[in-house]
All heavy atoms as atom14 arrays in JSON, in Angstrom:
{
  "sequence": "EIADGMDIAAYSVAHSQSQTLQDIGTGVLAKTLDMAKIERAQL",
  "atom14_mask": [
    [1, 1, 1, 1, 1, 1, 1, 1, 1, 0, 0, 0, 0, 0],
    [1, 1, 1, 1, 1, 1, 1, 1, 0, 0, 0, 0, 0, 0],
    [1, 1, 1, 1, 1, 0, 0, 0, 0, 0, 0, 0, 0, 0],
    [1, 1, 1, 1, 1, 1, 1, 1, 0, 0, 0, 0, 0, 0],
    [1, 1, 1, 1, 0, 0, 0, 0, 0, 0, 0, 0, 0, 0],
    [1, 1, 1, 1, 1, 1, 1, 1, 0, 0, 0, 0, 0, 0],
    [1, 1, 1, 1, 1, 1, 1, 1, 0, 0, 0, 0, 0, 0],
    [1, 1, 1, 1, 1, 1, 1, 1, 0, 0, 0, 0, 0, 0],
    [1, 1, 1, 1, 1, 0, 0, 0, 0, 0, 0, 0, 0, 0],
    [1, 1, 1, 1, 1, 0, 0, 0, 0, 0, 0, 0, 0, 0],
    [1, 1, 1, 1, 1, 1, 1, 1, 1, 1, 1, 1, 0, 0],
    [1, 1, 1, 1, 1, 1, 0, 0, 0, 0, 0, 0, 0, 0],
    [1, 1, 1, 1, 1, 1, 1, 0, 0, 0, 0, 0, 0, 0],
    [1, 1, 1, 1, 1, 0, 0, 0, 0, 0, 0, 0, 0, 0],
    [1, 1, 1, 1, 1, 1, 1, 1, 1, 1, 0, 0, 0, 0],
    [1, 1, 1, 1, 1, 1, 0, 0, 0, 0, 0, 0, 0, 0],
    [1, 1, 1, 1, 1, 1, 1, 1, 1, 0, 0, 0, 0, 0],
    [1, 1, 1, 1, 1, 1, 0, 0, 0, 0, 0, 0, 0, 0],
    [1, 1, 1, 1, 1, 1, 1, 1, 1, 0, 0, 0, 0, 0],
    [1, 1, 1, 1, 1, 1, 1, 0, 0, 0, 0, 0, 0, 0],
    [1, 1, 1, 1, 1, 1, 1, 1, 0, 0, 0, 0, 0, 0],
    [1, 1, 1, 1, 1, 1, 1, 1, 1, 0, 0, 0, 0, 0],
    [1, 1, 1, 1, 1, 1, 1, 1, 0, 0, 0, 0, 0, 0],
    [1, 1, 1, 1, 1, 1, 1, 1, 0, 0, 0, 0, 0, 0],
    [1, 1, 1, 1, 0, 0, 0, 0, 0, 0, 0, 0, 0, 0],
    [1, 1, 1, 1, 1, 1, 1, 0, 0, 0, 0, 0, 0, 0],
    [1, 1, 1, 1, 0, 0, 0, 0, 0, 0, 0, 0, 0, 0],
    [1, 1, 1, 1, 1, 1, 1, 0, 0, 0, 0, 0, 0, 0],
    [1, 1, 1, 1, 1, 1, 1, 1, 0, 0, 0, 0, 0, 0],
    [1, 1, 1, 1, 1, 0, 0, 0, 0, 0, 0, 0, 0, 0],
    [1, 1, 1, 1, 1, 1, 1, 1, 1, 0, 0, 0, 0, 0],
    [1, 1, 1, 1, 1, 1, 1, 0, 0, 0, 0, 0, 0, 0],
    [1, 1, 1, 1, 1, 1, 1, 1, 0, 0, 0, 0, 0, 0],
    [1, 1, 1, 1, 1, 1, 1, 1, 0, 0, 0, 0, 0, 0],
    [1, 1, 1, 1, 1, 1, 1, 1, 0, 0, 0, 0, 0, 0],
    [1, 1, 1, 1, 1, 0, 0, 0, 0, 0, 0, 0, 0, 0],
    [1, 1, 1, 1, 1, 1, 1, 1, 1, 0, 0, 0, 0, 0],
    [1, 1, 1, 1, 1, 1, 1, 1, 0, 0, 0, 0, 0, 0],
    [1, 1, 1, 1, 1, 1, 1, 1, 1, 0, 0, 0, 0, 0],
    [1, 1, 1, 1, 1, 1, 1, 1, 1, 1, 1, 0, 0, 0],
    [1, 1, 1, 1, 1, 0, 0, 0, 0, 0, 0, 0, 0, 0],
    [1, 1, 1, 1, 1, 1, 1, 1, 1, 0, 0, 0, 0, 0],
    [1, 1, 1, 1, 1, 1, 1, 1, 0, 0, 0, 0, 0, 0]
  ],
  "atom14_positions": [
    [[85.65, 18.14, 89.68], [84.76, 17.4, 88.81], [84.77, 18.04, 87.42], [85.0, 19.22, 87.28], [83.32, 17.46, 89.35], [83.19, 16.75, 90.69], [81.75, 16.8, 91.18], [80.85, 17.03, 90.38], [81.56, 16.58, 92.37], [0.0, 0.0, 0.0], [0.0, 0.0, 0.0], [0.0, 0.0, 0.0], [0.0, 0.0, 0.0], [0.0, 0.0, 0.0]],
    [[84.51, 17.18, 86.44], [84.41, 17.7, 85.08], [83.01, 18.29, 84.91], [81.99, 17.63, 85.05], [84.65, 16.56, 84.06], [86.07, 16.03, 84.2], [84.44, 17.07, 82.64], [86.4, 14.89, 83.27], [0.0, 0.0, 0.0], [0.0, 0.0, 0.0], [0.0, 0.0, 0.0], [0.0, 0.0, 0.0], [0.0, 0.0, 0.0], [0.0, 0.0, 0.0]],
    [[82.97, 19.58, 84.62], [81.69, 20.26, 84.45], [81.14, 19.93, 83.07], [81.85, 19.47, 82.18], [81.87, 21.77, 84.59], [0.0, 0.0, 0.0], [0.0, 0.0, 0.0], [0.0, 0.0, 0.0], [0.0, 0.0, 0.0], [0.0, 0.0, 0.0], [0.0, 0.0, 0.0], [0.0, 0.0, 0.0], [0.0, 0.0, 0.0], [0.0, 0.0, 0.0]],
    [[79.83, 20.24, 82.87], [79.21, 20.03, 81.57], [79.92, 20.84, 80.5], [80.17, 22.04, 80.69], [77.73, 20.41, 81.61], [76.92, 19.47, 82.49], [77.36, 18.32, 82.66], [75.85, 19.9, 82.98], [0.0, 0.0, 0.0], [0.0, 0.0, 0.0], [0.0, 0.0, 0.0], [0.0, 0.0, 0.0], [0.0, 0.0, 0.0], [0.0, 0.0, 0.0]],
    [[80.26, 20.23, 79.44], [80.92, 20.93, 78.32], [82.42, 21.04, 78.49], [83.11, 21.56, 77.61], [0.0, 0.0, 0.0], [0.0, 0.0, 0.0], [0.0, 0.0, 0.0], [0.0, 0.0, 0.0], [0.0, 0.0, 0.0], [0.0, 0.0, 0.0], [0.0, 0.0, 0.0], [0.0, 0.0, 0.0], [0.0, 0.0, 0.0], [0.0, 0.0, 0.0]],
    [[82.98, 20.56, 79.61], [84.44, 20.66, 79.81], [85.07, 19.41, 79.23], [84.72, 18.32, 79.57], [84.79, 20.81, 81.29], [86.26, 20.95, 81.59], [86.61, 20.98, 83.37], [86.45, 22.71, 83.69], [0.0, 0.0, 0.0], [0.0, 0.0, 0.0], [0.0, 0.0, 0.0], [0.0, 0.0, 0.0], [0.0, 0.0, 0.0], [0.0, 0.0, 0.0]],
    [[86.0, 19.61, 78.35], [86.68, 18.43, 77.78], [87.87, 18.01, 78.66], [88.2, 18.66, 79.61], [87.09, 18.69, 76.35], [88.08, 19.83, 76.17], [88.42, 20.47, 77.21], [88.48, 20.11, 75.06], [0.0, 0.0, 0.0], [0.0, 0.0, 0.0], [0.0, 0.0, 0.0], [0.0, 0.0, 0.0], [0.0, 0.0, 0.0], [0.0, 0.0, 0.0]],
    [[88.49, 16.93, 78.28], [89.58, 16.35, 79.07], [90.77, 17.34, 79.13], [91.39, 17.5, 80.16], [90.06, 15.02, 78.49], [88.9, 13.99, 78.51], [91.27, 14.51, 79.19], [88.47, 13.64, 79.9], [0.0, 0.0, 0.0], [0.0, 0.0, 0.0], [0.0, 0.0, 0.0], [0.0, 0.0, 0.0], [0.0, 0.0, 0.0], [0.0, 0.0, 0.0]],
    [[91.07, 18.03, 78.04], [92.2, 18.97, 78.02], [91.94, 20.15, 78.97], [92.82, 20.52, 79.73], [92.41, 19.5, 76.59], [0.0, 0.0, 0.0], [0.0, 0.0, 0.0], [0.0, 0.0, 0.0], [0.0, 0.0, 0.0], [0.0, 0.0, 0.0], [0.0, 0.0, 0.0], [0.0, 0.0, 0.0], [0.0, 0.0, 0.0], [0.0, 0.0, 0.0]],
    [[90.72, 20.67, 78.97], [90.41, 21.81, 79.87], [90.46, 21.31, 81.3], [90.94, 22.06, 82.19], [89.03, 22.36, 79.54], [0.0, 0.0, 0.0], [0.0, 0.0, 0.0], [0.0, 0.0, 0.0], [0.0, 0.0, 0.0], [0.0, 0.0, 0.0], [0.0, 0.0, 0.0], [0.0, 0.0, 0.0], [0.0, 0.0, 0.0], [0.0, 0.0, 0.0]],
    [[89.98, 20.13, 81.57], [90.04, 19.55, 82.92], [91.49, 19.41, 83.37], [91.84, 19.74, 84.49], [89.32, 18.21, 82.98], [89.52, 17.52, 84.3], [88.83, 17.92, 85.43], [90.44, 16.48, 84.42], [89.03, 17.3, 86.65], [90.65, 15.87, 85.64], [89.95, 16.27, 86.75], [90.17, 15.66, 87.97], [0.0, 0.0, 0.0], [0.0, 0.0, 0.0]],
    [[92.3, 18.91, 82.46], [93.7, 18.7, 82.77], [94.42, 20.03, 83.15], [95.17, 20.12, 84.09], [94.43, 18.07, 81.59], [95.81, 17.93, 81.84], [0.0, 0.0, 0.0], [0.0, 0.0, 0.0], [0.0, 0.0, 0.0], [0.0, 0.0, 0.0], [0.0, 0.0, 0.0], [0.0, 0.0, 0.0], [0.0, 0.0, 0.0], [0.0, 0.0, 0.0]],
    [[94.13, 21.09, 82.4], [94.73, 22.41, 82.67], [94.23, 22.93, 84.01], [95.01, 23.41, 84.84], [94.4, 23.4, 81.53], [94.76, 24.81, 81.93], [95.11, 22.99, 80.23], [0.0, 0.0, 0.0], [0.0, 0.0, 0.0], [0.0, 0.0, 0.0], [0.0, 0.0, 0.0], [0.0, 0.0, 0.0], [0.0, 0.0, 0.0], [0.0, 0.0, 0.0]],
    [[92.92, 22.84, 84.24], [92.34, 23.32, 85.5], [92.91, 22.51, 86.68], [93.25, 23.1, 87.74], [90.84, 23.18, 85.47], [0.0, 0.0, 0.0], [0.0, 0.0, 0.0], [0.0, 0.0, 0.0], [0.0, 0.0, 0.0], [0.0, 0.0, 0.0], [0.0, 0.0, 0.0], [0.0, 0.0, 0.0], [0.0, 0.0, 0.0], [0.0, 0.0, 0.0]],
    [[93.06, 21.24, 86.55], [93.62, 20.42, 87.61], [95.09, 20.77, 87.89], [95.49, 20.85, 89.05], [93.46, 18.96, 87.28], [94.03, 18.03, 88.32], [93.42, 17.87, 89.55], [95.1, 17.24, 88.34], [94.13, 17.04, 90.27], [95.17, 16.63, 89.56], [0.0, 0.0, 0.0], [0.0, 0.0, 0.0], [0.0, 0.0, 0.0], [0.0, 0.0, 0.0]],
    [[95.82, 20.98, 86.83], [97.23, 21.35, 86.96], [97.38, 22.68, 87.69], [98.23, 22.84, 88.57], [97.89, 21.43, 85.59], [99.23, 21.85, 85.68], [0.0, 0.0, 0.0], [0.0, 0.0, 0.0], [0.0, 0.0, 0.0], [0.0, 0.0, 0.0], [0.0, 0.0, 0.0], [0.0, 0.0, 0.0], [0.0, 0.0, 0.0], [0.0, 0.0, 0.0]],
    [[96.59, 23.66, 87.32], [96.6, 24.98, 87.98], [96.22, 24.85, 89.44], [96.86, 25.46, 90.34], [95.66, 25.93, 87.27], [96.14, 26.37, 85.91], [95.1, 27.22, 85.18], [93.93, 27.25, 85.53], [95.56, 27.89, 84.12], [0.0, 0.0, 0.0], [0.0, 0.0, 0.0], [0.0, 0.0, 0.0], [0.0, 0.0, 0.0], [0.0, 0.0, 0.0]],
    [[95.21, 24.02, 89.73], [94.8, 23.84, 91.1], [95.92, 23.18, 91.93], [96.19, 23.59, 93.05], [93.54, 22.95, 91.14], [93.2, 22.62, 92.45], [0.0, 0.0, 0.0], [0.0, 0.0, 0.0], [0.0, 0.0, 0.0], [0.0, 0.0, 0.0], [0.0, 0.0, 0.0], [0.0, 0.0, 0.0], [0.0, 0.0, 0.0], [0.0, 0.0, 0.0]],
    [[96.58, 22.19, 91.35], [97.67, 21.51, 92.02], [98.83, 22.47, 92.26], [99.45, 22.45, 93.33], [98.16, 20.3, 91.22], [99.18, 19.47, 91.92], [98.67, 18.82, 93.16], [97.55, 18.33, 93.21], [99.46, 18.81, 94.22], [0.0, 0.0, 0.0], [0.0, 0.0, 0.0], [0.0, 0.0, 0.0], [0.0, 0.0, 0.0], [0.0, 0.0, 0.0]],
    [[99.15, 23.32, 91.28], [100.21, 24.3, 91.42], [99.93, 25.27, 92.56], [100.79, 25.58, 93.37], [100.44, 25.06, 90.1], [100.74, 24.15, 89.06], [101.53, 26.11, 90.23], [0.0, 0.0, 0.0], [0.0, 0.0, 0.0], [0.0, 0.0, 0.0], [0.0, 0.0, 0.0], [0.0, 0.0, 0.0], [0.0, 0.0, 0.0], [0.0, 0.0, 0.0]],
    [[98.68, 25.76, 92.64], [98.31, 26.68, 93.71], [98.39, 26.0, 95.08], [98.83, 26.6, 96.06], [96.88, 27.22, 93.47], [96.75, 28.22, 92.33], [95.26, 28.55, 92.14], [97.55, 29.49, 92.61], [0.0, 0.0, 0.0], [0.0, 0.0, 0.0], [0.0, 0.0, 0.0], [0.0, 0.0, 0.0], [0.0, 0.0, 0.0], [0.0, 0.0, 0.0]],
    [[98.02, 24.75, 95.11], [98.14, 23.99, 96.38], [99.58, 23.83, 96.79], [99.95, 23.97, 97.96], [97.43, 22.63, 96.24], [97.4, 21.85, 97.54], [96.64, 20.55, 97.38], [96.16, 20.2, 96.31], [96.54, 19.81, 98.47], [0.0, 0.0, 0.0], [0.0, 0.0, 0.0], [0.0, 0.0, 0.0], [0.0, 0.0, 0.0], [0.0, 0.0, 0.0]],
    [[100.44, 23.5, 95.85], [101.87, 23.35, 96.12], [102.48, 24.66, 96.59], [103.33, 24.66, 97.53], [102.61, 22.87, 94.89], [102.25, 21.4, 94.49], [101.67, 20.71, 95.35], [102.57, 21.01, 93.37], [0.0, 0.0, 0.0], [0.0, 0.0, 0.0], [0.0, 0.0, 0.0], [0.0, 0.0, 0.0], [0.0, 0.0, 0.0], [0.0, 0.0, 0.0]],
    [[102.09, 25.77, 96.01], [102.61, 27.06, 96.43], [102.16, 27.36, 97.85], [102.93, 27.8, 98.69], [102.15, 28.18, 95.45], [102.88, 28.03, 94.11], [102.42, 29.57, 96.07], [102.33, 28.91, 93.04], [0.0, 0.0, 0.0], [0.0, 0.0, 0.0], [0.0, 0.0, 0.0], [0.0, 0.0, 0.0], [0.0, 0.0, 0.0], [0.0, 0.0, 0.0]],
    [[100.87, 27.09, 98.14], [100.38, 27.32, 99.47], [101.09, 26.49, 100.53], [101.41, 26.96, 101.62], [0.0, 0.0, 0.0], [0.0, 0.0, 0.0], [0.0, 0.0, 0.0], [0.0, 0.0, 0.0], [0.0, 0.0, 0.0], [0.0, 0.0, 0.0], [0.0, 0.0, 0.0], [0.0, 0.0, 0.0], [0.0, 0.0, 0.0], [0.0, 0.0, 0.0]],
    [[101.38, 25.24, 100.17], [102.09, 24.35, 101.09], [103.5, 24.86, 101.31], [104.02, 24.86, 102.45], [102.16, 22.94, 100.53], [100.83, 22.47, 100.31], [102.88, 22.0, 101.49], [0.0, 0.0, 0.0], [0.0, 0.0, 0.0], [0.0, 0.0, 0.0], [0.0, 0.0, 0.0], [0.0, 0.0, 0.0], [0.0, 0.0, 0.0], [0.0, 0.0, 0.0]],
    [[104.16, 25.39, 100.27], [105.51, 25.93, 100.42], [105.53, 27.17, 101.29], [106.41, 27.33, 102.13], [0.0, 0.0, 0.0], [0.0, 0.0, 0.0], [0.0, 0.0, 0.0], [0.0, 0.0, 0.0], [0.0, 0.0, 0.0], [0.0, 0.0, 0.0], [0.0, 0.0, 0.0], [0.0, 0.0, 0.0], [0.0, 0.0, 0.0], [0.0, 0.0, 0.0]],
    [[104.56, 28.04, 101.1], [104.48, 29.24, 101.9], [104.21, 28.89, 103.38], [104.83, 29.47, 104.29], [103.37, 30.19, 101.37], [103.08, 31.31, 102.36], [103.73, 30.77, 100.04], [0.0, 0.0, 0.0], [0.0, 0.0, 0.0], [0.0, 0.0, 0.0], [0.0, 0.0, 0.0], [0.0, 0.0, 0.0], [0.0, 0.0, 0.0], [0.0, 0.0, 0.0]],
    [[103.35, 27.92, 103.61], [103.09, 27.46, 104.97], [104.34, 26.9, 105.62], [104.65, 27.17, 106.79], [101.99, 26.43, 105.0], [101.67, 25.83, 106.36], [101.16, 26.92, 107.31], [100.59, 24.74, 106.2], [0.0, 0.0, 0.0], [0.0, 0.0, 0.0], [0.0, 0.0, 0.0], [0.0, 0.0, 0.0], [0.0, 0.0, 0.0], [0.0, 0.0, 0.0]],
    [[105.13, 26.13, 104.88], [106.36, 25.56, 105.44], [107.34, 26.65, 105.82], [107.98, 26.59, 106.89], [107.02, 24.62, 104.41], [0.0, 0.0, 0.0], [0.0, 0.0, 0.0], [0.0, 0.0, 0.0], [0.0, 0.0, 0.0], [0.0, 0.0, 0.0], [0.0, 0.0, 0.0], [0.0, 0.0, 0.0], [0.0, 0.0, 0.0], [0.0, 0.0, 0.0]],
    [[107.47, 27.67, 104.96], [108.39, 28.78, 105.26], [107.87, 29.56, 106.5], [108.66, 29.98, 107.34], [108.46, 29.76, 104.07], [109.31, 29.27, 102.96], [110.76, 29.25, 103.38], [111.66, 28.87, 102.22], [113.04, 28.73, 102.63], [0.0, 0.0, 0.0], [0.0, 0.0, 0.0], [0.0, 0.0, 0.0], [0.0, 0.0, 0.0], [0.0, 0.0, 0.0]],
    [[106.57, 29.75, 106.6], [106.0, 30.44, 107.73], [106.28, 29.65, 109.04], [106.64, 30.26, 110.05], [104.47, 30.61, 107.56], [104.24, 31.34, 106.35], [103.86, 31.35, 108.71], [0.0, 0.0, 0.0], [0.0, 0.0, 0.0], [0.0, 0.0, 0.0], [0.0, 0.0, 0.0], [0.0, 0.0, 0.0], [0.0, 0.0, 0.0], [0.0, 0.0, 0.0]],
    [[106.16, 28.36, 108.99], [106.43, 27.53, 110.17], [107.92, 27.62, 110.56], [108.26, 27.65, 111.73], [106.0, 26.1, 109.94], [104.49, 25.88, 109.86], [104.18, 24.43, 109.45], [103.8, 26.23, 111.16], [0.0, 0.0, 0.0], [0.0, 0.0, 0.0], [0.0, 0.0, 0.0], [0.0, 0.0, 0.0], [0.0, 0.0, 0.0], [0.0, 0.0, 0.0]],
    [[108.76, 27.61, 109.54], [110.2, 27.72, 109.82], [110.52, 29.06, 110.49], [111.31, 29.11, 111.44], [111.05, 27.59, 108.52], [111.03, 26.19, 107.97], [110.66, 25.24, 108.73], [111.38, 26.0, 106.78], [0.0, 0.0, 0.0], [0.0, 0.0, 0.0], [0.0, 0.0, 0.0], [0.0, 0.0, 0.0], [0.0, 0.0, 0.0], [0.0, 0.0, 0.0]],
    [[109.96, 30.14, 109.97], [110.17, 31.47, 110.57], [109.64, 31.53, 111.98], [110.26, 32.14, 112.85], [109.56, 32.54, 109.69], [110.27, 32.77, 108.36], [111.99, 33.24, 108.56], [111.86, 34.74, 109.48], [0.0, 0.0, 0.0], [0.0, 0.0, 0.0], [0.0, 0.0, 0.0], [0.0, 0.0, 0.0], [0.0, 0.0, 0.0], [0.0, 0.0, 0.0]],
    [[108.48, 30.91, 112.22], [107.91, 30.9, 113.57], [108.83, 30.16, 114.56], [108.99, 30.59, 115.7], [106.53, 30.26, 113.55], [0.0, 0.0, 0.0], [0.0, 0.0, 0.0], [0.0, 0.0, 0.0], [0.0, 0.0, 0.0], [0.0, 0.0, 0.0], [0.0, 0.0, 0.0], [0.0, 0.0, 0.0], [0.0, 0.0, 0.0], [0.0, 0.0, 0.0]],
    [[109.44, 29.08, 114.09], [110.35, 28.31, 114.94], [111.58, 29.18, 115.28], [112.02, 29.2, 116.44], [110.82, 27.06, 114.23], [111.74, 26.17, 115.05], [112.32, 25.01, 114.26], [111.32, 23.92, 114.12], [111.91, 22.71, 113.5], [0.0, 0.0, 0.0], [0.0, 0.0, 0.0], [0.0, 0.0, 0.0], [0.0, 0.0, 0.0], [0.0, 0.0, 0.0]],
    [[112.12, 29.89, 114.33], [113.28, 30.76, 114.56], [112.93, 31.89, 115.51], [113.67, 32.2, 116.45], [113.81, 31.31, 113.21], [114.45, 30.18, 112.38], [114.82, 32.46, 113.43], [114.72, 30.58, 110.96], [0.0, 0.0, 0.0], [0.0, 0.0, 0.0], [0.0, 0.0, 0.0], [0.0, 0.0, 0.0], [0.0, 0.0, 0.0], [0.0, 0.0, 0.0]],
    [[111.79, 32.53, 115.27], [111.34, 33.62, 116.13], [111.09, 33.16, 117.57], [111.4, 33.85, 118.51], [110.1, 34.28, 115.55], [110.4, 35.07, 114.31], [109.14, 35.6, 113.6], [108.02, 35.32, 114.11], [109.28, 36.25, 112.57], [0.0, 0.0, 0.0], [0.0, 0.0, 0.0], [0.0, 0.0, 0.0], [0.0, 0.0, 0.0], [0.0, 0.0, 0.0]],
    [[110.53, 31.94, 117.69], [110.28, 31.4, 119.03], [111.62, 31.15, 119.78], [111.72, 31.48, 120.96], [109.53, 30.07, 118.91], [109.12, 29.51, 120.25], [108.28, 28.24, 120.11], [109.07, 27.16, 119.51], [108.68, 26.44, 118.47], [107.52, 26.65, 117.91], [109.46, 25.51, 117.98], [0.0, 0.0, 0.0], [0.0, 0.0, 0.0], [0.0, 0.0, 0.0]],
    [[112.62, 30.68, 119.08], [113.93, 30.46, 119.68], [114.54, 31.78, 120.11], [115.14, 31.9, 121.19], [114.84, 29.71, 118.72], [0.0, 0.0, 0.0], [0.0, 0.0, 0.0], [0.0, 0.0, 0.0], [0.0, 0.0, 0.0], [0.0, 0.0, 0.0], [0.0, 0.0, 0.0], [0.0, 0.0, 0.0], [0.0, 0.0, 0.0], [0.0, 0.0, 0.0]],
    [[114.44, 32.77, 119.25], [114.97, 34.12, 119.59], [114.28, 34.73, 120.77], [114.86, 35.32, 121.66], [114.87, 35.06, 118.39], [115.82, 34.68, 117.25], [115.6, 35.53, 115.99], [114.57, 36.13, 115.83], [116.59, 35.51, 115.13], [0.0, 0.0, 0.0], [0.0, 0.0, 0.0], [0.0, 0.0, 0.0], [0.0, 0.0, 0.0], [0.0, 0.0, 0.0]],
    [[112.95, 34.59, 120.82], [112.18, 35.12, 121.94], [112.53, 34.41, 123.25], [112.69, 35.07, 124.28], [110.68, 34.99, 121.67], [109.73, 35.48, 122.75], [109.93, 36.98, 122.98], [108.29, 35.2, 122.38], [0.0, 0.0, 0.0], [0.0, 0.0, 0.0], [0.0, 0.0, 0.0], [0.0, 0.0, 0.0], [0.0, 0.0, 0.0], [0.0, 0.0, 0.0]]
  ]
}
C-alpha cells in the first residue's frame, strides 16, 4: 500500500525491490527442490 507521504516514485522503487526479493526467494527455493530431488535419488 502507498503510505502517507509516499509518492508514486517511492512506491515504484519499493515495489520493485519487493518483487526482486520475491524472485530471488523463488529461485533459491527452486534450486533447493532440485538438490533435494538429486539427493533423494542418490539415497
